[in-house]
Amino acid sequence: RSRPDSEIEQDKSVTVQVSMQGSLEMIYSALHALENSRPLILVDNLQISYTRTRYRVPDSNHVDTSYRASYDAIAFIL
């Protein structure tokens, strides 16, 4: 069903460009939290990439920050 033009004009959205760096588990956890959030937040243009660091020394206490994620988070204001 299509909506009248007056309703469409009242729809407002906010888009935020998000960049984060961390382990795959950390990124997955953040995306999972968005999936279950209210109000609804849509994720668009998701890109996840592996980043190499030439001088990284493995350490048992080292927090894995090998991945970068960027996406647009879109929230609708009702």
PDB file of N, CA and C in Angstrom:
ATOM      1  N   ARG A   1       0.843  -1.172   0.000  1.00  0.00           N
ATOM      2  CA  ARG A   1       0.000   0.000   0.000  1.00  0.00           C
ATOM      3  C   ARG A   1       0.887   1.233   0.000  1.00  0.00           C
ATOM      4  N   SER A   2       0.612   2.141  -0.857  1.00  0.00           N
ATOM      5  CA  SER A   2       1.417   3.359  -0.890  1.00  0.00           C
ATOM      6  C   SER A   2       0.860   4.383   0.086  1.00  0.00           C
ATOM      7  N   ARG A   3       1.747   5.195   0.591  1.00  0.00           N
ATOM      8  CA  ARG A   3       1.331   6.199   1.569  1.00  0.00           C
ATOM      9  C   ARG A   3       1.154   7.548   0.875  1.00  0.00           C
ATOM     10  N   PRO A   4       0.285   8.380   1.404  1.00  0.00           N
ATOM     11  CA  PRO A   4       0.138   9.720   0.839  1.00  0.00           C
ATOM     12  C   PRO A   4       1.436  10.510   0.972  1.00  0.00           C
ATOM     13  N   ASP A   5       1.642  11.456   0.074  1.00  0.00           N
ATOM     14  CA  ASP A   5       2.865  12.256   0.077  1.00  0.00           C
ATOM     15  C   ASP A   5       3.098  12.958   1.415  1.00  0.00           C
ATOM     16  N   SER A   6       2.037  13.366   2.097  1.00  0.00           N
ATOM     17  CA  SER A   6       2.202  14.075   3.365  1.00  0.00           C
ATOM     18  C   SER A   6       2.865  13.180   4.413  1.00  0.00           C
ATOM     19  N   GLU A   7       2.580  11.862   4.396  1.00  0.00           N
ATOM     20  CA  GLU A   7       3.221  10.934   5.339  1.00  0.00           C
ATOM     21  C   GLU A   7       4.695  10.736   4.991  1.00  0.00           C
ATOM     22  N   ILE A   8       4.998  10.636   3.708  1.00  0.00           N
ATOM     23  CA  ILE A   8       6.380  10.424   3.277  1.00  0.00           C
ATOM     24  C   ILE A   8       7.231  11.623   3.667  1.00  0.00           C
ATOM     25  N   GLU A   9       6.703  12.812   3.522  1.00  0.00           N
ATOM     26  CA  GLU A   9       7.453  14.014   3.862  1.00  0.00           C
ATOM     27  C   GLU A   9       7.762  14.078   5.353  1.00  0.00           C
ATOM     28  N   GLN A  10       6.952  13.440   6.197  1.00  0.00           N
ATOM     29  CA  GLN A  10       7.152  13.483   7.635  1.00  0.00           C
ATOM     30  C   GLN A  10       8.210  12.489   8.103  1.00  0.00           C
ATOM     31  N   ASP A  11       8.523  11.490   7.283  1.00  0.00           N
ATOM     32  CA  ASP A  11       9.549  10.522   7.659  1.00  0.00           C
ATOM     33  C   ASP A  11      10.907  11.209   7.715  1.00  0.00           C
ATOM     34  N   LYS A  12      11.635  10.971   8.791  1.00  0.00           N
ATOM     35  CA  LYS A  12      12.965  11.546   8.947  1.00  0.00           C
ATOM     36  C   LYS A  12      13.909  10.436   9.371  1.00  0.00           C
ATOM     37  N   SER A  13      15.111  10.524   8.892  1.00  0.00           N
ATOM     38  CA  SER A  13      16.110   9.530   9.294  1.00  0.00           C
ATOM     39  C   SER A  13      17.421  10.234   9.612  1.00  0.00           C
ATOM     40  N   VAL A  14      18.215   9.558  10.409  1.00  0.00           N
ATOM     41  CA  VAL A  14      19.545  10.031  10.769  1.00  0.00           C
ATOM     42  C   VAL A  14      20.530   8.939  10.370  1.00  0.00           C
ATOM     43  N   THR A  15      21.578   9.324   9.658  1.00  0.00           N
ATOM     44  CA  THR A  15      22.599   8.371   9.241  1.00  0.00           C
ATOM     45  C   THR A  15      23.925   8.763   9.869  1.00  0.00           C
ATOM     46  N   VAL A  16      24.582   7.787  10.459  1.00  0.00           N
ATOM     47  CA  VAL A  16      25.891   7.996  11.083  1.00  0.00           C
ATOM     48  C   VAL A  16      26.868   7.024  10.441  1.00  0.00           C
ATOM     49  N   GLN A  17      28.016   7.534  10.038  1.00  0.00           N
ATOM     50  CA  GLN A  17      29.041   6.661   9.486  1.00  0.00           C
ATOM     51  C   GLN A  17      29.902   6.157  10.650  1.00  0.00           C
ATOM     52  N   VAL A  18      30.006   4.833  10.774  1.00  0.00           N
ATOM     53  CA  VAL A  18      30.683   4.209  11.914  1.00  0.00           C
ATOM     54  C   VAL A  18      31.940   3.493  11.432  1.00  0.00           C
ATOM     55  N   SER A  19      33.026   3.669  12.166  1.00  0.00           N
ATOM     56  CA  SER A  19      34.262   2.914  11.930  1.00  0.00           C
ATOM     57  C   SER A  19      34.690   2.326  13.260  1.00  0.00           C
ATOM     58  N   MET A  20      35.082   1.066  13.243  1.00  0.00           N
ATOM     59  CA  MET A  20      35.554   0.425  14.462  1.00  0.00           C
ATOM     60  C   MET A  20      36.691  -0.519  14.123  1.00  0.00           C
ATOM     61  N   GLN A  21      37.496  -0.808  15.115  1.00  0.00           N
ATOM     62  CA  GLN A  21      38.609  -1.731  14.943  1.00  0.00           C
ATOM     63  C   GLN A  21      38.636  -2.678  16.119  1.00  0.00           C
ATOM     64  N   GLY A  22      38.845  -3.961  15.847  1.00  0.00           N
ATOM     65  CA  GLY A  22      38.895  -4.948  16.920  1.00  0.00           C
ATOM     66  C   GLY A  22      38.911  -6.345  16.353  1.00  0.00           C
ATOM     67  N   SER A  23      38.618  -7.291  17.190  1.00  0.00           N
ATOM     68  CA  SER A  23      38.554  -8.688  16.760  1.00  0.00           C
ATOM     69  C   SER A  23      37.225  -8.927  16.058  1.00  0.00           C
ATOM     70  N   LEU A  24      37.141 -10.026  15.340  1.00  0.00           N
ATOM     71  CA  LEU A  24      35.873 -10.371  14.696  1.00  0.00           C
ATOM     72  C   LEU A  24      34.766 -10.545  15.731  1.00  0.00           C
ATOM     73  N   GLU A  25      35.110 -11.090  16.890  1.00  0.00           N
ATOM     74  CA  GLU A  25      34.118 -11.300  17.940  1.00  0.00           C
ATOM     75  C   GLU A  25      33.569  -9.966  18.447  1.00  0.00           C
ATOM     76  N   MET A  26      34.445  -8.966  18.600  1.00  0.00           N
ATOM     77  CA  MET A  26      34.008  -7.652  19.061  1.00  0.00           C
ATOM     78  C   MET A  26      33.089  -6.980  18.031  1.00  0.00           C
ATOM     79  N   ILE A  27      33.467  -7.072  16.772  1.00  0.00           N
ATOM     80  CA  ILE A  27      32.661  -6.470  15.703  1.00  0.00           C
ATOM     81  C   ILE A  27      31.319  -7.183  15.612  1.00  0.00           C
ATOM     82  N   TYR A  28      31.334  -8.514  15.656  1.00  0.00           N
ATOM     83  CA  TYR A  28      30.099  -9.282  15.616  1.00  0.00           C
ATOM     84  C   TYR A  28      29.184  -8.906  16.782  1.00  0.00           C
ATOM     85  N   SER A  29      29.759  -8.751  17.959  1.00  0.00           N
ATOM     86  CA  SER A  29      28.974  -8.397  19.142  1.00  0.00           C
ATOM     87  C   SER A  29      28.290  -7.035  18.970  1.00  0.00           C
ATOM     88  N   ALA A  30      29.017  -6.067  18.420  1.00  0.00           N
ATOM     89  CA  ALA A  30      28.439  -4.734  18.193  1.00  0.00           C
ATOM     90  C   ALA A  30      27.310  -4.794  17.162  1.00  0.00           C
ATOM     91  N   LEU A  31      27.504  -5.543  16.085  1.00  0.00           N
ATOM     92  CA  LEU A  31      26.465  -5.673  15.062  1.00  0.00           C
ATOM     93  C   LEU A  31      25.254  -6.419  15.607  1.00  0.00           C
ATOM     94  N   HIS A  32      25.488  -7.416  16.440  1.00  0.00           N
ATOM     95  CA  HIS A  32      24.394  -8.168  17.054  1.00  0.00           C
ATOM     96  C   HIS A  32      23.566  -7.256  17.967  1.00  0.00           C
ATOM     97  N   ALA A  33      24.238  -6.380  18.704  1.00  0.00           N
ATOM     98  CA  ALA A  33      23.520  -5.433  19.568  1.00  0.00           C
ATOM     99  C   ALA A  33      22.654  -4.489  18.744  1.00  0.00           C
ATOM    100  N   LEU A  34      23.144  -4.064  17.582  1.00  0.00           N
ATOM    101  CA  LEU A  34      22.340  -3.208  16.699  1.00  0.00           C
ATOM    102  C   LEU A  34      21.118  -3.953  16.174  1.00  0.00           C
ATOM    103  N   GLU A  35      21.296  -5.229  15.872  1.00  0.00           N
ATOM    104  CA  GLU A  35      20.207  -6.037  15.338  1.00  0.00           C
ATOM    105  C   GLU A  35      19.043  -6.124  16.329  1.00  0.00           C
ATOM    106  N   ASN A  36      19.359  -6.128  17.609  1.00  0.00           N
ATOM    107  CA  ASN A  36      18.331  -6.268  18.636  1.00  0.00           C
ATOM    108  C   ASN A  36      17.928  -4.947  19.279  1.00  0.00           C
ATOM    109  N   SER A  37      18.387  -3.832  18.714  1.00  0.00           N
ATOM    110  CA  SER A  37      18.109  -2.535  19.327  1.00  0.00           C
ATOM    111  C   SER A  37      16.718  -2.026  18.953  1.00  0.00           C
ATOM    112  N   ARG A  38      16.213  -1.183  19.775  1.00  0.00           N
ATOM    113  CA  ARG A  38      14.961  -0.463  19.524  1.00  0.00           C
ATOM    114  C   ARG A  38      15.212   0.983  19.841  1.00  0.00           C
ATOM    115  N   PRO A  39      14.933   1.925  18.989  1.00  0.00           N
ATOM    116  CA  PRO A  39      14.287   1.774  17.695  1.00  0.00           C
ATOM    117  C   PRO A  39      15.193   1.057  16.690  1.00  0.00           C
ATOM    118  N   LEU A  40      14.592   0.655  15.611  1.00  0.00           N
ATOM    119  CA  LEU A  40      15.289  -0.094  14.577  1.00  0.00           C
ATOM    120  C   LEU A  40      16.424   0.734  13.980  1.00  0.00           C
ATOM    121  N   ILE A  41      17.602   0.120  13.883  1.00  0.00           N
ATOM    122  CA  ILE A  41      18.758   0.745  13.243  1.00  0.00           C
ATOM    123  C   ILE A  41      19.185  -0.161  12.098  1.00  0.00           C
ATOM    124  N   LEU A  42      19.204   0.404  10.894  1.00  0.00           N
ATOM    125  CA  LEU A  42      19.620  -0.354   9.722  1.00  0.00           C
ATOM    126  C   LEU A  42      21.108  -0.161   9.487  1.00  0.00           C
ATOM    127  N   VAL A  43      21.770  -1.211   9.016  1.00  0.00           N
ATOM    128  CA  VAL A  43      23.192  -1.155   8.684  1.00  0.00           C
ATOM    129  C   VAL A  43      23.307  -1.264   7.173  1.00  0.00           C
ATOM    130  N   ASP A  44      24.060  -0.327   6.578  1.00  0.00           N
ATOM    131  CA  ASP A  44      24.228  -0.308   5.125  1.00  0.00           C
ATOM    132  C   ASP A  44      25.707  -0.101   4.815  1.00  0.00           C
ATOM    133  N   ASN A  45      26.133  -0.559   3.662  1.00  0.00           N
ATOM    134  CA  ASN A  45      27.517  -0.398   3.198  1.00  0.00           C
ATOM    135  C   ASN A  45      28.536  -0.987   4.170  1.00  0.00           C
ATOM    136  N   LEU A  46      28.250  -2.149   4.703  1.00  0.00           N
ATOM    137  CA  LEU A  46      29.151  -2.806   5.660  1.00  0.00           C
ATOM    138  C   LEU A  46      30.385  -3.324   4.938  1.00  0.00           C
ATOM    139  N   GLN A  47      31.552  -2.963   5.468  1.00  0.00           N
ATOM    140  CA  GLN A  47      32.823  -3.458   4.954  1.00  0.00           C
ATOM    141  C   GLN A  47      33.674  -3.878   6.140  1.00  0.00           C
ATOM    142  N   ILE A  48      34.175  -5.097   6.090  1.00  0.00           N
ATOM    143  CA  ILE A  48      35.078  -5.597   7.125  1.00  0.00           C
ATOM    144  C   ILE A  48      36.363  -6.012   6.431  1.00  0.00           C
ATOM    145  N   SER A  49      37.482  -5.536   6.954  1.00  0.00           N
ATOM    146  CA  SER A  49      38.760  -5.871   6.337  1.00  0.00           C
ATOM    147  C   SER A  49      39.770  -6.252   7.405  1.00  0.00           C
ATOM    148  N   TYR A  50      40.707  -7.084   6.998  1.00  0.00           N
ATOM    149  CA  TYR A  50      41.795  -7.507   7.872  1.00  0.00           C
ATOM    150  C   TYR A  50      42.923  -6.508   7.708  1.00  0.00           C
ATOM    151  N   THR A  51      43.466  -6.031   8.811  1.00  0.00           N
ATOM    152  CA  THR A  51      44.571  -5.074   8.742  1.00  0.00           C
ATOM    153  C   THR A  51      45.844  -5.744   9.216  1.00  0.00           C
ATOM    154  N   ARG A  52      46.863  -5.596   8.442  1.00  0.00           N
ATOM    155  CA  ARG A  52      48.157  -6.170   8.803  1.00  0.00           C
ATOM    156  C   ARG A  52      49.022  -5.089   9.435  1.00  0.00           C
ATOM    157  N   THR A  53      49.691  -5.460  10.473  1.00  0.00           N
ATOM    158  CA  THR A  53      50.642  -4.568  11.105  1.00  0.00           C
ATOM    159  C   THR A  53      52.010  -5.211  11.011  1.00  0.00           C
ATOM    160  N   ARG A  54      52.908  -4.517  10.431  1.00  0.00           N
ATOM    161  CA  ARG A  54      54.232  -5.075  10.165  1.00  0.00           C
ATOM    162  C   ARG A  54      54.975  -5.425  11.451  1.00  0.00           C
ATOM    163  N   TYR A  55      54.815  -4.615  12.481  1.00  0.00           N
ATOM    164  CA  TYR A  55      55.635  -4.788  13.683  1.00  0.00           C
ATOM    165  C   TYR A  55      54.869  -5.380  14.861  1.00  0.00           C
ATOM    166  N   ARG A  56      53.761  -6.038  14.609  1.00  0.00           N
ATOM    167  CA  ARG A  56      52.987  -6.625  15.699  1.00  0.00           C
ATOM    168  C   ARG A  56      53.726  -7.831  16.271  1.00  0.00           C
ATOM    169  N   VAL A  57      53.866  -7.833  17.574  1.00  0.00           N
ATOM    170  CA  VAL A  57      54.513  -8.949  18.269  1.00  0.00           C
ATOM    171  C   VAL A  57      53.430  -9.710  19.014  1.00  0.00           C
ATOM    172  N   PRO A  58      53.248 -11.005  18.725  1.00  0.00           N
ATOM    173  CA  PRO A  58      52.227 -11.774  19.445  1.00  0.00           C
ATOM    174  C   PRO A  58      52.492 -11.781  20.944  1.00  0.00           C
ATOM    175  N   ASP A  59      51.444 -11.582  21.704  1.00  0.00           N
ATOM    176  CA  ASP A  59      51.546 -11.540  23.164  1.00  0.00           C
ATOM    177  C   ASP A  59      50.275 -12.162  23.719  1.00  0.00           C
ATOM    178  N   SER A  60      50.393 -12.948  24.741  1.00  0.00           N
ATOM    179  CA  SER A  60      49.219 -13.612  25.304  1.00  0.00           C
ATOM    180  C   SER A  60      48.234 -12.601  25.894  1.00  0.00           C
ATOM    181  N   ASN A  61      48.707 -11.426  26.306  1.00  0.00           N
ATOM    182  CA  ASN A  61      47.826 -10.395  26.856  1.00  0.00           C
ATOM    183  C   ASN A  61      47.346  -9.417  25.788  1.00  0.00           C
ATOM    184  N   HIS A  62      47.775  -9.616  24.554  1.00  0.00           N
ATOM    185  CA  HIS A  62      47.457  -8.709  23.454  1.00  0.00           C
ATOM    186  C   HIS A  62      45.976  -8.829  23.063  1.00  0.00           C
ATOM    187  N   VAL A  63      45.307  -7.696  22.945  1.00  0.00           N
ATOM    188  CA  VAL A  63      43.918  -7.671  22.482  1.00  0.00           C
ATOM    189  C   VAL A  63      43.945  -7.639  20.962  1.00  0.00           C
ATOM    190  N   ASP A  64      43.235  -8.554  20.335  1.00  0.00           N
ATOM    191  CA  ASP A  64      43.213  -8.650  18.872  1.00  0.00           C
ATOM    192  C   ASP A  64      42.468  -7.460  18.275  1.00  0.00           C
ATOM    193  N   THR A  65      43.174  -6.637  17.524  1.00  0.00           N
ATOM    194  CA  THR A  65      42.548  -5.516  16.816  1.00  0.00           C
ATOM    195  C   THR A  65      42.867  -5.626  15.331  1.00  0.00           C
ATOM    196  N   SER A  66      42.819  -6.831  14.825  1.00  0.00           N
ATOM    197  CA  SER A  66      43.244  -7.111  13.457  1.00  0.00           C
ATOM    198  C   SER A  66      42.220  -6.752  12.394  1.00  0.00           C
ATOM    199  N   TYR A  67      41.015  -6.420  12.767  1.00  0.00           N
ATOM    200  CA  TYR A  67      39.964  -6.177  11.786  1.00  0.00           C
ATOM    201  C   TYR A  67      39.402  -4.774  11.925  1.00  0.00           C
ATOM    202  N   ARG A  68      39.034  -4.204  10.785  1.00  0.00           N
ATOM    203  CA  ARG A  68      38.363  -2.904  10.760  1.00  0.00           C
ATOM    204  C   ARG A  68      37.011  -3.083  10.096  1.00  0.00           C
ATOM    205  N   ALA A  69      36.027  -2.430  10.660  1.00  0.00           N
ATOM    206  CA  ALA A  69      34.683  -2.462  10.082  1.00  0.00           C
ATOM    207  C   ALA A  69      34.209  -1.029   9.909  1.00  0.00           C
ATOM    208  N   SER A  70      33.535  -0.777   8.812  1.00  0.00           N
ATOM    209  CA  SER A  70      32.907   0.522   8.598  1.00  0.00           C
ATOM    210  C   SER A  70      31.533   0.275   7.999  1.00  0.00           C
ATOM    211  N   TYR A  71      30.590   1.103   8.409  1.00  0.00           N
ATOM    212  CA  TYR A  71      29.233   0.977   7.894  1.00  0.00           C
ATOM    213  C   TYR A  71      28.451   2.247   8.189  1.00  0.00           C
ATOM    214  N   ASP A  72      27.323   2.378   7.522  1.00  0.00           N
ATOM    215  CA  ASP A  72      26.390   3.464   7.783  1.00  0.00           C
ATOM    216  C   ASP A  72      25.283   2.909   8.671  1.00  0.00           C
ATOM    217  N   ALA A  73      25.030   3.554   9.792  1.00  0.00           N
ATOM    218  CA  ALA A  73      23.937   3.176  10.687  1.00  0.00           C
ATOM    219  C   ALA A  73      22.813   4.185  10.480  1.00  0.00           C
ATOM    220  N   ILE A  74      21.642   3.696  10.117  1.00  0.00           N
ATOM    221  CA  ILE A  74      20.511   4.555   9.793  1.00  0.00           C
ATOM    222  C   ILE A  74      19.389   4.312  10.792  1.00  0.00           C
ATOM    223  N   ALA A  75      18.984   5.362  11.471  1.00  0.00           N
ATOM    224  CA  ALA A  75      17.875   5.303  12.417  1.00  0.00           C
ATOM    225  C   ALA A  75      16.746   6.187  11.910  1.00  0.00           C
ATOM    226  N   PHE A  76      15.536   5.735  12.095  1.00  0.00           N
ATOM    227  CA  PHE A  76      14.373   6.495  11.653  1.00  0.00           C
ATOM    228  C   PHE A  76      13.701   7.161  12.821  1.00  0.00           C
ATOM    229  N   ILE A  77      13.409   8.424  12.676  1.00  0.00           N
ATOM    230  CA  ILE A  77      12.728   9.194  13.703  1.00  0.00           C
ATOM    231  C   ILE A  77      11.238   9.189  13.366  1.00  0.00           C
ATOM    232  N   LEU A  78      10.463   8.630  14.244  1.00  0.00           N
ATOM    233  CA  LEU A  78       9.028   8.506  13.982  1.00  0.00           C
ATOM    234  C   LEU A  78       8.257   9.689  14.535  1.00  0.00           C
TER     235      LEU A  78
END
